[in-house]
Amino acid sequence: MVTLDREGGLSITEIKCSVADFRSDGKWPEYLEWRDSFYFAVPEQFPHELLPSEHGLIIADSYGGDILRPADVNKLNANRRKSLTLRYARHAAARLRSLNDPDHG
């Protein structure tokens, strides 16, 4: 999940539902160069010591989540931030349009 905050910060949250899910996914490190902060969101029973401590930790369930450990912030360079923010905005606009006009292709 990618989020954009009020100050323009881009965060990525990698959602892992189980230890097997975490261990079988080797692609999340590729996301690190595309964000200001990075979080793992896991269920309460997930063993936290398996997750890298330099990344944020969110304990989540079907109803919401709480940040247990804030993420370190590594600011993106200006060109990458602009490019990603524009892509984010275009994607959000397309999703909104499809909600308002489901027949639009």
C-alpha atoms as a PDB file:
ATOM      1  CA  MET A   1       0.000   0.000   0.000  1.00  0.00           C
ATOM      2  CA  VAL A   2       1.316   3.451  -0.917  1.00  0.00           C
ATOM      3  CA  THR A   3       0.174   6.552   0.947  1.00  0.00           C
ATOM      4  CA  LEU A   4       0.800  10.248   0.459  1.00  0.00           C
ATOM      5  CA  ASP A   5       0.692  12.488   3.538  1.00  0.00           C
ATOM      6  CA  ARG A   6      -0.170  16.195   3.834  1.00  0.00           C
ATOM      7  CA  GLU A   7       3.490  17.208   3.493  1.00  0.00           C
ATOM      8  CA  GLY A   8       3.954  15.126   0.323  1.00  0.00           C
ATOM      9  CA  GLY A   9       5.726  12.236   2.054  1.00  0.00           C
ATOM     10  CA  LEU A  10       5.369   8.855   0.372  1.00  0.00           C
ATOM     11  CA  SER A  11       5.098   5.800   2.600  1.00  0.00           C
ATOM     12  CA  ILE A  12       4.912   2.174   1.596  1.00  0.00           C
ATOM     13  CA  THR A  13       3.263  -0.377   3.860  1.00  0.00           C
ATOM     14  CA  GLU A  14       3.950  -4.028   3.156  1.00  0.00           C
ATOM     15  CA  ILE A  15       1.095  -6.130   4.539  1.00  0.00           C
ATOM     16  CA  LYS A  16       2.039  -9.586   5.767  1.00  0.00           C
ATOM     17  CA  CYS A  17      -0.637 -11.920   7.113  1.00  0.00           C
ATOM     18  CA  SER A  18       1.686 -14.704   8.279  1.00  0.00           C
ATOM     19  CA  VAL A  19       5.302 -15.728   8.792  1.00  0.00           C
ATOM     20  CA  ALA A  20       5.076 -17.895   5.654  1.00  0.00           C
ATOM     21  CA  ASP A  21       3.889 -14.847   3.684  1.00  0.00           C
ATOM     22  CA  PHE A  22       6.866 -12.808   4.943  1.00  0.00           C
ATOM     23  CA  ARG A  23       9.427 -15.542   4.283  1.00  0.00           C
ATOM     24  CA  SER A  24       8.166 -16.312   0.781  1.00  0.00           C
ATOM     25  CA  ASP A  25       8.208 -12.669  -0.383  1.00  0.00           C
ATOM     26  CA  GLY A  26      11.618 -11.467  -1.469  1.00  0.00           C
ATOM     27  CA  LYS A  27      10.508  -8.462  -3.498  1.00  0.00           C
ATOM     28  CA  TRP A  28       9.746  -5.938  -0.725  1.00  0.00           C
ATOM     29  CA  PRO A  29      13.403  -4.700  -0.529  1.00  0.00           C
ATOM     30  CA  GLU A  30      12.993  -3.457  -4.128  1.00  0.00           C
ATOM     31  CA  TYR A  31      10.391  -0.936  -2.878  1.00  0.00           C
ATOM     32  CA  LEU A  32      12.779   0.807  -0.498  1.00  0.00           C
ATOM     33  CA  GLU A  33      14.238   3.197  -3.080  1.00  0.00           C
ATOM     34  CA  TRP A  34      10.724   4.442  -3.960  1.00  0.00           C
ATOM     35  CA  ARG A  35       9.569   5.807  -0.587  1.00  0.00           C
ATOM     36  CA  ASP A  36      10.288   8.185   2.259  1.00  0.00           C
ATOM     37  CA  SER A  37       9.241   5.658   4.903  1.00  0.00           C
ATOM     38  CA  PHE A  38       8.497   1.944   4.940  1.00  0.00           C
ATOM     39  CA  TYR A  39       6.254  -0.051   7.276  1.00  0.00           C
ATOM     40  CA  PHE A  40       5.294  -3.649   7.796  1.00  0.00           C
ATOM     41  CA  ALA A  41       1.675  -4.215   8.810  1.00  0.00           C
ATOM     42  CA  VAL A  42       1.148  -7.548  10.537  1.00  0.00           C
ATOM     43  CA  PRO A  43      -1.413  -9.211  12.806  1.00  0.00           C
ATOM     44  CA  GLU A  44      -0.894  -8.979  16.558  1.00  0.00           C
ATOM     45  CA  GLN A  45       0.343 -12.587  16.887  1.00  0.00           C
ATOM     46  CA  PHE A  46       3.088 -12.112  14.243  1.00  0.00           C
ATOM     47  CA  PRO A  47       6.587 -12.493  15.805  1.00  0.00           C
ATOM     48  CA  HIS A  48       7.941  -8.931  15.574  1.00  0.00           C
ATOM     49  CA  GLU A  49      11.573 -10.016  15.904  1.00  0.00           C
ATOM     50  CA  LEU A  50      11.432 -11.460  12.361  1.00  0.00           C
ATOM     51  CA  LEU A  51      10.944  -7.998  10.863  1.00  0.00           C
ATOM     52  CA  PRO A  52      13.880  -5.653  10.205  1.00  0.00           C
ATOM     53  CA  SER A  53      14.011  -3.084  13.027  1.00  0.00           C
ATOM     54  CA  GLU A  54      14.891  -0.154  10.740  1.00  0.00           C
ATOM     55  CA  HIS A  55      11.395  -0.246   9.251  1.00  0.00           C
ATOM     56  CA  GLY A  56       8.174   0.819  10.876  1.00  0.00           C
ATOM     57  CA  LEU A  57       5.754  -1.649  12.410  1.00  0.00           C
ATOM     58  CA  ILE A  58       1.968  -1.495  12.330  1.00  0.00           C
ATOM     59  CA  ILE A  59      -0.187  -4.000  14.189  1.00  0.00           C
ATOM     60  CA  ALA A  60      -3.372  -4.371  12.173  1.00  0.00           C
ATOM     61  CA  ASP A  61      -6.608  -6.294  12.016  1.00  0.00           C
ATOM     62  CA  SER A  62      -9.771  -6.079   9.912  1.00  0.00           C
ATOM     63  CA  TYR A  63     -10.829  -2.874  11.663  1.00  0.00           C
ATOM     64  CA  GLY A  64      -7.684  -0.771  11.688  1.00  0.00           C
ATOM     65  CA  GLY A  65      -4.103  -0.565  12.859  1.00  0.00           C
ATOM     66  CA  ASP A  66      -1.773   1.048  15.357  1.00  0.00           C
ATOM     67  CA  ILE A  67       1.797   2.147  14.722  1.00  0.00           C
ATOM     68  CA  LEU A  68       3.924   0.225  17.190  1.00  0.00           C
ATOM     69  CA  ARG A  69       7.255   1.466  15.799  1.00  0.00           C
ATOM     70  CA  PRO A  70       7.662   4.559  13.591  1.00  0.00           C
ATOM     71  CA  ALA A  71       9.600   4.140  10.371  1.00  0.00           C
ATOM     72  CA  ASP A  72      12.941   5.765   9.687  1.00  0.00           C
ATOM     73  CA  VAL A  73      12.592   8.517   7.087  1.00  0.00           C
ATOM     74  CA  ASN A  74      14.832   8.565   4.012  1.00  0.00           C
ATOM     75  CA  LYS A  75      13.813  11.516   1.870  1.00  0.00           C
ATOM     76  CA  LEU A  76      13.407  10.884  -1.850  1.00  0.00           C
ATOM     77  CA  ASN A  77      15.232  13.169  -4.252  1.00  0.00           C
ATOM     78  CA  ALA A  78      13.090  15.896  -5.816  1.00  0.00           C
ATOM     79  CA  ASN A  79      12.861  14.395  -9.321  1.00  0.00           C
ATOM     80  CA  ARG A  80      11.764  10.977  -8.093  1.00  0.00           C
ATOM     81  CA  ARG A  81       9.277  12.552  -5.645  1.00  0.00           C
ATOM     82  CA  LYS A  82       7.690  14.624  -8.418  1.00  0.00           C
ATOM     83  CA  SER A  83       7.427  11.638 -10.746  1.00  0.00           C
ATOM     84  CA  LEU A  84       5.923   9.363  -8.084  1.00  0.00           C
ATOM     85  CA  THR A  85       3.514  12.022  -6.823  1.00  0.00           C
ATOM     86  CA  LEU A  86       2.203  12.614 -10.345  1.00  0.00           C
ATOM     87  CA  ARG A  87       1.747   8.862 -10.902  1.00  0.00           C
ATOM     88  CA  TYR A  88      -0.013   8.592  -7.543  1.00  0.00           C
ATOM     89  CA  ALA A  89      -2.351  11.474  -8.424  1.00  0.00           C
ATOM     90  CA  ARG A  90      -3.169  10.049 -11.859  1.00  0.00           C
ATOM     91  CA  HIS A  91      -3.911   6.631 -10.383  1.00  0.00           C
ATOM     92  CA  ALA A  92      -6.109   8.146  -7.655  1.00  0.00           C
ATOM     93  CA  ALA A  93      -7.997  10.233 -10.226  1.00  0.00           C
ATOM     94  CA  ALA A  94      -8.585   7.175 -12.424  1.00  0.00           C
ATOM     95  CA  ARG A  95      -9.907   5.189  -9.459  1.00  0.00           C
ATOM     96  CA  LEU A  96     -12.223   8.033  -8.458  1.00  0.00           C
ATOM     97  CA  ARG A  97     -13.494   8.348 -12.008  1.00  0.00           C
ATOM     98  CA  SER A  98     -14.228   4.610 -12.192  1.00  0.00           C
ATOM     99  CA  LEU A  99     -16.239   4.883  -8.969  1.00  0.00           C
ATOM    100  CA  ASN A 100     -18.251   7.817 -10.322  1.00  0.00           C
ATOM    101  CA  ASP A 101     -18.553   6.467 -13.862  1.00  0.00           C
ATOM    102  CA  PRO A 102     -18.274   2.644 -13.871  1.00  0.00           C
ATOM    103  CA  ASP A 103     -18.978   2.498 -17.629  1.00  0.00           C
ATOM    104  CA  HIS A 104     -15.901   4.592 -18.429  1.00  0.00           C
ATOM    105  CA  GLY A 105     -13.144   2.340 -19.776  1.00  0.00           C
END
